[in-house]
Amino acid sequence: MDAALRTGGDITVSGLARAARVDRSFLYRHRDQLERVHTAATTPVEEGRLAAVSRASLQADLANALERNTRLAARVRQLEIRLSA
């Protein structure tokens, strides 16, 4: 948990369990650790510092949005051709 906080790593139950090489149920059985996960996940990141997880998720969202935009633009062109016919 401390390493993930220092590096801006994945602050989720799944991410921490994967990093610690334990099953997620371990965190659910240890309520104190689960509470730390939930607190860390909802605590804002320090000013001027973007967490790596947030950056990665934003990049994935952007890539998905660009791909969707490309598909929609092709569909619009296709519909315009049909409409003009």
C-alpha atoms as a PDB file:
ATOM      1  CA  MET A   1       0.000   0.000   0.000  1.00  0.00           C
ATOM      2  CA  ASP A   2       2.778   2.421   0.913  1.00  0.00           C
ATOM      3  CA  ALA A   3       4.689   1.677  -2.303  1.00  0.00           C
ATOM      4  CA  ALA A   4       1.553   2.260  -4.393  1.00  0.00           C
ATOM      5  CA  LEU A   5       0.985   5.588  -2.646  1.00  0.00           C
ATOM      6  CA  ARG A   6       4.603   6.678  -3.221  1.00  0.00           C
ATOM      7  CA  THR A   7       4.660   5.720  -6.887  1.00  0.00           C
ATOM      8  CA  GLY A   8       1.087   6.660  -7.738  1.00  0.00           C
ATOM      9  CA  GLY A   9       0.295   3.016  -8.384  1.00  0.00           C
ATOM     10  CA  ASP A  10      -3.039   1.253  -8.664  1.00  0.00           C
ATOM     11  CA  ILE A  11      -5.053   2.044  -5.507  1.00  0.00           C
ATOM     12  CA  THR A  12      -7.765  -0.573  -5.874  1.00  0.00           C
ATOM     13  CA  VAL A  13      -8.404  -3.822  -4.064  1.00  0.00           C
ATOM     14  CA  SER A  14      -7.559  -5.795  -7.207  1.00  0.00           C
ATOM     15  CA  GLY A  15      -4.456  -3.751  -7.976  1.00  0.00           C
ATOM     16  CA  LEU A  16      -3.057  -3.987  -4.472  1.00  0.00           C
ATOM     17  CA  ALA A  17      -3.843  -7.698  -4.174  1.00  0.00           C
ATOM     18  CA  ARG A  18      -2.070  -8.301  -7.497  1.00  0.00           C
ATOM     19  CA  ALA A  19       0.968  -6.294  -6.378  1.00  0.00           C
ATOM     20  CA  ALA A  20       1.102  -8.077  -3.010  1.00  0.00           C
ATOM     21  CA  ARG A  21       0.488 -11.462  -4.676  1.00  0.00           C
ATOM     22  CA  VAL A  22      -2.458 -12.259  -2.429  1.00  0.00           C
ATOM     23  CA  ASP A  23      -6.078 -12.993  -3.173  1.00  0.00           C
ATOM     24  CA  ARG A  24      -8.528 -10.103  -3.009  1.00  0.00           C
ATOM     25  CA  SER A  25     -10.386 -11.922  -0.242  1.00  0.00           C
ATOM     26  CA  PHE A  26      -7.347 -11.324   1.973  1.00  0.00           C
ATOM     27  CA  LEU A  27      -8.053  -7.587   1.915  1.00  0.00           C
ATOM     28  CA  TYR A  28     -11.756  -8.135   2.520  1.00  0.00           C
ATOM     29  CA  ARG A  29     -10.982 -10.321   5.541  1.00  0.00           C
ATOM     30  CA  HIS A  30      -8.701  -7.644   7.013  1.00  0.00           C
ATOM     31  CA  ARG A  31     -11.076  -4.737   7.456  1.00  0.00           C
ATOM     32  CA  ASP A  32      -8.351  -2.350   8.631  1.00  0.00           C
ATOM     33  CA  GLN A  33      -6.441  -2.835   5.378  1.00  0.00           C
ATOM     34  CA  LEU A  34      -9.612  -2.576   3.324  1.00  0.00           C
ATOM     35  CA  GLU A  35     -10.410   0.735   5.035  1.00  0.00           C
ATOM     36  CA  ARG A  36      -6.905   2.009   4.160  1.00  0.00           C
ATOM     37  CA  VAL A  37      -7.502   1.063   0.513  1.00  0.00           C
ATOM     38  CA  HIS A  38     -10.815   2.898   0.395  1.00  0.00           C
ATOM     39  CA  THR A  39      -9.389   5.957   2.146  1.00  0.00           C
ATOM     40  CA  ALA A  40      -6.358   6.117  -0.158  1.00  0.00           C
ATOM     41  CA  ALA A  41      -8.515   5.655  -3.249  1.00  0.00           C
ATOM     42  CA  THR A  42     -10.745   8.602  -2.330  1.00  0.00           C
ATOM     43  CA  THR A  43      -8.010  10.920  -1.055  1.00  0.00           C
ATOM     44  CA  PRO A  44      -7.063  13.553  -3.628  1.00  0.00           C
ATOM     45  CA  VAL A  45      -3.541  13.383  -5.027  1.00  0.00           C
ATOM     46  CA  GLU A  46      -1.095  16.116  -3.993  1.00  0.00           C
ATOM     47  CA  GLU A  47      -1.400  19.345  -5.946  1.00  0.00           C
ATOM     48  CA  GLY A  48       0.668  19.342  -9.138  1.00  0.00           C
ATOM     49  CA  ARG A  49       1.101  15.569  -9.118  1.00  0.00           C
ATOM     50  CA  LEU A  50      -1.000  13.246 -11.259  1.00  0.00           C
ATOM     51  CA  ALA A  51      -1.208   9.616 -10.204  1.00  0.00           C
ATOM     52  CA  ALA A  52       0.088   7.110 -12.748  1.00  0.00           C
ATOM     53  CA  VAL A  53      -3.185   5.208 -12.627  1.00  0.00           C
ATOM     54  CA  SER A  54      -5.146   8.329 -13.481  1.00  0.00           C
ATOM     55  CA  ARG A  55      -2.817   9.159 -16.344  1.00  0.00           C
ATOM     56  CA  ALA A  56      -3.053   5.639 -17.743  1.00  0.00           C
ATOM     57  CA  SER A  57      -6.825   5.555 -17.433  1.00  0.00           C
ATOM     58  CA  LEU A  58      -7.116   8.953 -19.102  1.00  0.00           C
ATOM     59  CA  GLN A  59      -4.914   7.817 -21.972  1.00  0.00           C
ATOM     60  CA  ALA A  60      -7.034   4.681 -22.403  1.00  0.00           C
ATOM     61  CA  ASP A  61     -10.214   6.777 -22.357  1.00  0.00           C
ATOM     62  CA  LEU A  62      -8.735   9.108 -24.963  1.00  0.00           C
ATOM     63  CA  ALA A  63      -7.703   6.244 -27.231  1.00  0.00           C
ATOM     64  CA  ASN A  64     -11.180   4.718 -26.945  1.00  0.00           C
ATOM     65  CA  ALA A  65     -12.836   8.066 -27.665  1.00  0.00           C
ATOM     66  CA  LEU A  66     -10.648   8.633 -30.738  1.00  0.00           C
ATOM     67  CA  GLU A  67     -11.461   5.169 -32.064  1.00  0.00           C
ATOM     68  CA  ARG A  68     -15.182   5.743 -31.498  1.00  0.00           C
ATOM     69  CA  ASN A  69     -14.944   9.113 -33.216  1.00  0.00           C
ATOM     70  CA  THR A  70     -13.325   7.483 -36.244  1.00  0.00           C
ATOM     71  CA  ARG A  71     -16.071   4.827 -36.414  1.00  0.00           C
ATOM     72  CA  LEU A  72     -18.823   7.436 -36.079  1.00  0.00           C
ATOM     73  CA  ALA A  73     -17.284   9.658 -38.772  1.00  0.00           C
ATOM     74  CA  ALA A  74     -17.192   6.674 -41.164  1.00  0.00           C
ATOM     75  CA  ARG A  75     -20.806   5.870 -40.343  1.00  0.00           C
ATOM     76  CA  VAL A  76     -21.850   9.487 -40.984  1.00  0.00           C
ATOM     77  CA  ARG A  77     -20.102   9.419 -44.382  1.00  0.00           C
ATOM     78  CA  GLN A  78     -21.858   6.166 -45.213  1.00  0.00           C
ATOM     79  CA  LEU A  79     -25.265   7.584 -44.248  1.00  0.00           C
ATOM     80  CA  GLU A  80     -24.638  10.781 -46.209  1.00  0.00           C
ATOM     81  CA  ILE A  81     -23.882   8.703 -49.325  1.00  0.00           C
ATOM     82  CA  ARG A  82     -27.083   6.714 -48.850  1.00  0.00           C
ATOM     83  CA  LEU A  83     -29.084   9.887 -48.283  1.00  0.00           C
ATOM     84  CA  SER A  84     -27.747  11.541 -51.413  1.00  0.00           C
ATOM     85  CA  ALA A  85     -28.601   8.464 -53.479  1.00  0.00           C
END
